[in-house]
Amino acid sequence: MIDQQIWGSWKLLSFVYEAEDGACFYPYGKEADGIIIYDPKGYMTAVITRTDRPCVSTEDFGMLPDHEKIGLAKGFMTYAGRYKVLEDRIFHHIEIGYFPNWVGTTFIRFPSFSNGNLVLATPPVTLRGKPYTGYLVWQKTL
């Protein structure tokens, strides 16, 4: 059963959007990093970040200049909530997230396995004026 296969924590290996014409782009860079966790009780969390975000001038977030906060926000996303596996798809029901507009929505992912890795495909989404499908490849952590 796929829900038991996804339980645990997974490290991001790659995230790419691909179009039917072969065009592709990496929304968090080719060296993106991330973790997704599915627990047996039906909760999940995902974090994805660029690895080339610059360090900031202070450890005191309250003193961080606005332009550095903007730099931190670029190339970072996270969300968490309940999930449900139905047939060939996983529904991520967003309860909290970096983008407030996501709260209360549901992300659909189409899971498959390749060489022991979990591949989550997104439904086609229009980006940069054409439809792309996202492919996130995750490796099980020990």
Protein backbone atom coordinates (compact mmCIF):
# COMPACT_ATOMS: atom_id res chain seq x y z
CA MET A 1 0.00 0.00 0.00
CA ILE A 2 1.45 3.35 -1.07
CA ASP A 3 0.68 5.19 2.18
CA GLN A 4 2.96 2.86 4.15
CA GLN A 5 5.65 3.17 1.46
CA ILE A 6 5.80 6.95 1.90
CA TRP A 7 5.91 6.99 5.71
CA GLY A 8 9.09 8.54 7.06
CA SER A 9 11.39 11.34 6.02
CA TRP A 10 12.75 11.97 2.55
CA LYS A 11 15.60 14.20 1.31
CA LEU A 12 15.13 16.15 -1.91
CA LEU A 13 17.37 15.03 -4.78
CA SER A 14 15.90 17.22 -7.52
CA PHE A 15 13.00 19.49 -8.42
CA VAL A 16 12.40 20.42 -12.04
CA TYR A 17 9.47 21.76 -14.05
CA GLU A 18 9.25 20.25 -17.54
CA ALA A 19 7.12 21.35 -20.50
CA GLU A 20 5.97 19.10 -23.33
CA ASP A 21 8.30 20.92 -25.73
CA GLY A 22 11.33 19.90 -23.63
CA ALA A 23 11.79 23.26 -21.92
CA CYS A 24 12.62 22.96 -18.23
CA PHE A 25 13.60 25.08 -15.27
CA TYR A 26 14.61 24.56 -11.67
CA PRO A 27 12.53 26.82 -9.39
CA TYR A 28 14.95 26.43 -6.47
CA GLY A 29 18.10 25.99 -8.51
CA LYS A 30 19.75 22.77 -9.69
CA GLU A 31 21.16 22.21 -6.20
CA ALA A 32 17.87 22.64 -4.29
CA ASP A 33 17.63 21.11 -0.84
CA GLY A 34 14.58 19.93 1.04
CA ILE A 35 12.88 17.47 3.33
CA ILE A 36 9.40 16.00 3.22
CA ILE A 37 8.00 13.94 6.08
CA TYR A 38 4.90 11.74 6.07
CA ASP A 39 3.83 10.30 9.42
CA PRO A 40 1.56 7.27 9.87
CA LYS A 41 -1.13 9.41 11.53
CA GLY A 42 -1.75 11.42 8.37
CA TYR A 43 0.39 14.53 8.83
CA MET A 44 3.04 15.80 6.48
CA THR A 45 5.45 18.70 6.19
CA ALA A 46 7.61 19.88 3.32
CA VAL A 47 10.48 22.37 3.17
CA ILE A 48 12.38 23.30 0.01
CA THR A 49 15.13 25.89 -0.31
CA ARG A 50 17.77 27.14 -2.66
CA THR A 51 21.25 26.31 -1.43
CA ASP A 52 22.73 29.55 -2.75
CA ARG A 53 20.82 31.98 -0.51
CA PRO A 54 23.25 34.51 0.95
CA CYS A 55 24.10 34.64 4.64
CA VAL A 56 22.75 37.67 6.50
CA SER A 57 24.43 40.37 8.53
CA THR A 58 23.06 39.42 11.97
CA GLU A 59 21.67 36.48 13.91
CA ASP A 60 19.06 38.83 15.45
CA PHE A 61 16.07 38.51 13.13
CA GLY A 62 14.50 41.59 14.74
CA MET A 63 17.45 43.68 13.58
CA LEU A 64 17.64 42.22 10.09
CA PRO A 65 17.28 44.88 7.37
CA ASP A 66 14.24 44.49 5.12
CA HIS A 67 16.34 43.94 2.00
CA GLU A 68 18.01 40.95 3.69
CA LYS A 69 14.62 39.54 4.73
CA ILE A 70 13.56 39.71 1.09
CA GLY A 71 16.72 37.83 0.13
CA LEU A 72 15.92 35.10 2.63
CA ALA A 73 12.39 34.75 1.32
CA LYS A 74 13.52 34.22 -2.25
CA GLY A 75 13.96 30.57 -2.94
CA PHE A 76 12.32 29.17 0.18
CA MET A 77 9.00 27.48 0.76
CA THR A 78 7.38 25.33 3.38
CA TYR A 79 3.96 23.98 4.25
CA ALA A 80 2.39 21.36 6.51
CA GLY A 81 -0.93 19.73 7.19
CA ARG A 82 -2.92 16.53 6.80
CA TYR A 83 -2.42 14.24 3.84
CA LYS A 84 -4.52 11.48 2.32
CA VAL A 85 -3.58 8.80 -0.19
CA LEU A 86 -6.30 7.83 -2.66
CA GLU A 87 -5.48 5.41 -5.45
CA ASP A 88 -2.79 7.05 -7.60
CA ARG A 89 -2.56 10.40 -5.83
CA ILE A 90 -1.65 12.08 -2.58
CA PHE A 91 -3.64 15.06 -1.34
CA HIS A 92 -1.70 17.57 0.78
CA HIS A 93 -4.29 19.58 2.76
CA ILE A 94 -2.42 22.77 3.66
CA GLU A 95 -2.97 23.94 7.25
CA ILE A 96 0.04 26.25 7.56
CA GLY A 97 2.40 27.53 4.93
CA TYR A 98 4.91 30.11 3.91
CA PHE A 99 2.40 31.52 1.43
CA PRO A 100 -0.81 32.47 3.30
CA ASN A 101 -2.88 31.92 0.13
CA TRP A 102 -2.10 28.19 0.31
CA VAL A 103 -3.78 27.73 3.71
CA GLY A 104 -7.04 25.86 3.26
CA THR A 105 -6.11 24.59 -0.19
CA THR A 106 -5.09 21.13 -1.34
CA PHE A 107 -2.06 20.20 -3.42
CA ILE A 108 -2.35 17.04 -5.50
CA ARG A 109 0.74 14.91 -6.13
CA PHE A 110 1.06 11.80 -8.27
CA PRO A 111 3.49 9.41 -6.56
CA SER A 112 5.69 6.79 -8.18
CA PHE A 113 8.89 5.03 -7.24
CA SER A 114 12.11 4.90 -9.26
CA ASN A 115 15.26 3.15 -8.01
CA GLY A 116 13.90 3.29 -4.46
CA ASN A 117 13.26 7.04 -4.68
CA LEU A 118 9.86 8.66 -4.29
CA VAL A 119 8.88 10.77 -7.30
CA LEU A 120 6.07 13.27 -6.77
CA ALA A 121 4.64 14.76 -9.96
CA THR A 122 2.42 17.84 -9.92
CA PRO A 123 -0.59 18.37 -12.15
CA PRO A 124 0.26 20.63 -15.11
CA VAL A 125 0.47 24.29 -14.10
CA THR A 126 0.85 27.32 -16.36
CA LEU A 127 4.19 28.99 -15.71
CA ARG A 128 5.97 31.45 -17.93
CA GLY A 129 3.07 31.25 -20.37
CA LYS A 130 2.98 27.46 -20.95
CA PRO A 131 2.01 24.29 -19.11
CA TYR A 132 4.69 22.61 -17.00
CA THR A 133 4.66 19.50 -14.82
CA GLY A 134 6.80 19.50 -11.70
CA TYR A 135 8.86 16.46 -10.75
CA LEU A 136 10.27 16.21 -7.23
CA VAL A 137 12.57 13.27 -6.54
CA TRP A 138 13.05 12.27 -2.90
CA GLN A 139 15.44 9.78 -1.31
CA LYS A 140 14.45 8.00 1.90
CA THR A 141 16.56 9.05 4.89
CA LEU A 142 17.98 6.53 7.31
